[in-house]
Amino acid sequence: MVEELPSVFLVGPMGAGKTTIGRLLAKQLGRAFVDSDWYIESQTGADIAWIFAKEGEAGFRERETRAIDELTQKKQIVLATGGGAVMCADNREFLQQRGIVVYLNAPVDVQMARTAKDKSRPLLQQPNPRKILQELYSARVIPISTGGAYNPAYGSYLSTAYGQPTLAAARIVFCVYLYCEGLTNV
């Protein structure tokens, strides 16, 4: 049955747990895990902060769209996207058409706690990272069809605010199975 499940794509704000939960989810499903930011770094030989510094956010987003297009064509993977990936219409289309999208949500206070010491996030290297997180959180809640699985635009998502990433991964597995069996729109 696991072989028949489509790829699973994790979206949500930075600090929501996409990478942590994605690794666990991939292990539970016996699949490869890919973090789109890590993929971009491996393809360019440069870290995200350097890309932002040299090319700006627009340059990074172009690279991100190429990576999302390539990665979403892979079969039976678990993909964690960058927090801003859903801002691009092309990325939303790639994600929606090629797998099941799961929105992981964490309130700004949780995001702040999880990212406070992380110097690898260029958008947060500002005097007021909380303000940036709040602005991003508000701006990035956009309609993305998840095929019925966890859609923030319709009030259906998986909150990761309380920790327990193993439980979150197990919940996703359960919901994906139900969705693929046509038993629910999760």
Protein backbone atom coordinates (compact mmCIF):
# COMPACT_ATOMS: atom_id res chain seq x y z
CA MET A 1 0.00 0.00 0.00
CA VAL A 2 2.84 2.45 0.80
CA GLU A 3 4.12 2.09 -2.78
CA GLU A 4 0.76 3.34 -4.06
CA LEU A 5 0.73 6.52 -1.99
CA PRO A 6 1.68 9.71 -3.80
CA SER A 7 4.54 11.90 -2.70
CA VAL A 8 3.89 14.01 0.38
CA PHE A 9 4.86 17.69 0.34
CA LEU A 10 5.10 19.62 3.61
CA VAL A 11 4.44 23.36 3.58
CA GLY A 12 4.09 25.91 6.35
CA PRO A 13 5.92 28.73 8.11
CA MET A 14 9.54 28.54 9.14
CA GLY A 15 9.86 26.85 12.49
CA ALA A 16 6.71 24.75 11.97
CA GLY A 17 8.73 21.53 11.96
CA LYS A 18 8.68 20.62 8.26
CA THR A 19 12.19 19.17 8.29
CA THR A 20 11.90 17.39 11.64
CA ILE A 21 8.50 15.90 10.88
CA GLY A 22 9.46 15.25 7.27
CA ARG A 23 12.39 13.04 8.28
CA LEU A 24 10.17 11.05 10.64
CA LEU A 25 7.39 10.79 8.08
CA ALA A 26 9.81 9.54 5.42
CA LYS A 27 11.12 6.92 7.82
CA GLN A 28 7.59 5.75 8.67
CA LEU A 29 6.71 5.51 4.96
CA GLY A 30 10.06 4.01 3.94
CA ARG A 31 10.73 6.88 1.54
CA ALA A 32 13.46 9.34 0.69
CA PHE A 33 13.31 12.69 2.46
CA VAL A 34 14.31 15.90 0.72
CA ASP A 35 14.46 19.40 2.19
CA SER A 36 14.20 21.88 -0.70
CA ASP A 37 16.58 24.36 0.95
CA TRP A 38 19.21 21.65 1.47
CA TYR A 39 18.70 20.55 -2.12
CA ILE A 40 19.30 24.09 -3.38
CA GLU A 41 22.45 24.31 -1.27
CA SER A 42 23.76 21.00 -2.61
CA GLN A 43 23.06 22.03 -6.21
CA THR A 44 24.70 25.45 -5.90
CA GLY A 45 27.51 24.69 -3.48
CA ALA A 46 26.44 27.71 -1.44
CA ASP A 47 24.26 28.15 1.61
CA ILE A 48 20.93 29.98 1.55
CA ALA A 49 22.31 33.01 3.39
CA TRP A 50 25.03 33.43 0.75
CA ILE A 51 22.48 33.11 -2.08
CA PHE A 52 20.31 35.77 -0.42
CA ALA A 53 23.34 38.05 0.05
CA LYS A 54 24.54 37.71 -3.55
CA GLU A 55 21.28 37.32 -5.50
CA GLY A 56 18.67 38.74 -3.15
CA GLU A 57 15.42 37.07 -2.28
CA ALA A 58 14.25 37.22 -5.91
CA GLY A 59 17.29 35.24 -7.06
CA PHE A 60 16.77 32.68 -4.34
CA ARG A 61 13.06 32.32 -5.21
CA GLU A 62 13.95 31.62 -8.86
CA ARG A 63 16.26 28.83 -7.73
CA GLU A 64 13.57 27.58 -5.35
CA THR A 65 10.99 27.35 -8.12
CA ARG A 66 13.35 25.34 -10.33
CA ALA A 67 14.07 23.03 -7.37
CA ILE A 68 10.38 22.59 -6.48
CA ASP A 69 9.59 21.77 -10.11
CA GLU A 70 12.35 19.16 -10.24
CA LEU A 71 11.70 17.65 -6.81
CA THR A 72 7.93 17.36 -7.17
CA GLN A 73 8.47 15.22 -10.27
CA LYS A 74 10.22 12.57 -8.16
CA LYS A 75 8.01 9.68 -7.14
CA GLN A 76 7.32 8.57 -3.58
CA ILE A 77 9.29 11.18 -1.67
CA VAL A 78 8.60 13.31 1.34
CA LEU A 79 9.51 16.93 0.58
CA ALA A 80 9.85 19.77 3.06
CA THR A 81 9.59 23.11 1.28
CA GLY A 82 10.91 26.45 2.42
CA GLY A 83 8.42 28.64 4.26
CA GLY A 84 8.03 31.04 1.35
CA ALA A 85 7.69 28.45 -1.41
CA VAL A 86 3.90 28.75 -1.47
CA MET A 87 4.09 32.43 -2.36
CA CYS A 88 4.88 31.51 -5.97
CA ALA A 89 1.91 30.39 -8.06
CA ASP A 90 4.08 28.00 -10.09
CA ASN A 91 5.25 26.28 -6.90
CA ARG A 92 1.67 25.93 -5.66
CA GLU A 93 0.69 24.34 -8.96
CA PHE A 94 3.64 21.91 -8.92
CA LEU A 95 2.83 20.88 -5.35
CA GLN A 96 -0.92 20.54 -5.88
CA GLN A 97 -0.67 18.57 -9.12
CA ARG A 98 2.08 16.14 -8.13
CA GLY A 99 1.34 14.91 -4.62
CA ILE A 100 -0.45 15.46 -1.34
CA VAL A 101 0.23 18.79 0.33
CA VAL A 102 0.22 18.89 4.11
CA TYR A 103 0.20 22.29 5.83
CA LEU A 104 2.05 22.34 9.14
CA ASN A 105 1.15 25.29 11.31
CA ALA A 106 2.86 26.87 14.30
CA PRO A 107 1.94 30.21 15.87
CA VAL A 108 4.47 33.04 15.77
CA ASP A 109 5.48 32.54 19.42
CA VAL A 110 6.40 28.93 18.67
CA GLN A 111 8.21 29.92 15.48
CA MET A 112 10.15 32.53 17.44
CA ALA A 113 11.21 30.03 20.10
CA ARG A 114 12.29 27.48 17.49
CA THR A 115 14.25 29.90 15.31
CA ALA A 116 15.69 32.29 17.91
CA LYS A 117 19.25 30.96 17.74
CA ASP A 118 19.23 29.91 14.08
CA LYS A 119 21.57 32.17 12.12
CA SER A 120 20.94 30.32 8.84
CA ARG A 121 17.61 32.06 8.18
CA PRO A 122 18.39 35.23 6.22
CA LEU A 123 14.92 36.75 6.56
CA LEU A 124 15.27 36.72 10.35
CA GLN A 125 18.63 38.47 10.52
CA GLN A 126 16.85 41.73 11.33
CA PRO A 127 16.54 43.83 14.49
CA ASN A 128 12.96 42.60 15.07
CA PRO A 129 12.61 38.97 13.93
CA ARG A 130 9.25 38.61 15.70
CA LYS A 131 7.80 41.35 13.51
CA ILE A 132 9.19 39.62 10.41
CA LEU A 133 7.69 36.28 11.48
CA GLN A 134 4.31 37.91 12.10
CA GLU A 135 4.34 39.63 8.72
CA LEU A 136 5.37 36.43 6.94
CA TYR A 137 2.79 34.38 8.83
CA SER A 138 0.02 36.78 7.81
CA ALA A 139 1.17 37.10 4.20
CA ARG A 140 1.74 33.40 3.57
CA VAL A 141 -1.66 32.03 4.55
CA ILE A 142 -2.89 31.69 1.00
CA PRO A 143 -5.24 29.25 -0.69
CA ILE A 144 -3.37 26.12 -1.72
CA SER A 145 -5.38 23.14 -2.67
CA THR A 146 -4.18 20.16 -0.73
CA GLY A 147 -6.55 17.78 -2.41
CA GLY A 148 -8.40 17.75 0.87
CA ALA A 149 -5.40 17.22 3.15
CA TYR A 150 -4.75 19.99 5.67
CA ASN A 151 -5.63 23.27 4.02
CA PRO A 152 -5.09 26.47 6.02
CA ALA A 153 -7.41 28.43 3.74
CA TYR A 154 -10.29 26.23 4.86
CA GLY A 155 -9.30 25.90 8.51
CA SER A 156 -7.91 22.38 8.18
CA TYR A 157 -4.26 21.94 9.08
CA LEU A 158 -1.95 20.15 11.45
CA SER A 159 -0.76 22.27 14.36
CA THR A 160 2.80 21.50 15.44
CA ALA A 161 2.78 23.96 18.32
CA TYR A 162 2.80 21.30 21.02
CA GLY A 163 5.87 19.41 19.88
CA GLN A 164 5.64 15.64 19.56
CA PRO A 165 6.95 15.39 15.99
CA THR A 166 6.71 11.57 15.98
CA LEU A 167 3.00 11.81 16.76
CA ALA A 168 2.55 14.48 14.09
CA ALA A 169 4.24 12.23 11.50
CA ALA A 170 2.02 9.31 12.51
CA ARG A 171 -1.09 11.48 12.19
CA ILE A 172 -0.02 12.49 8.70
CA VAL A 173 0.52 8.85 7.68
CA PHE A 174 -2.94 7.94 8.98
CA CYS A 175 -4.62 10.87 7.23
CA VAL A 176 -2.81 10.24 3.94
CA TYR A 177 -3.91 6.60 3.98
CA LEU A 178 -7.51 7.61 4.67
CA TYR A 179 -7.40 10.24 1.96
CA CYS A 180 -5.95 7.80 -0.61
CA GLU A 181 -8.64 5.28 0.26
CA GLY A 182 -11.25 7.95 -0.38
CA LEU A 183 -12.53 7.71 3.19
CA THR A 184 -12.09 11.38 4.03
CA ASN A 185 -10.81 14.64 2.72
CA VAL A 186 -8.68 14.73 5.84
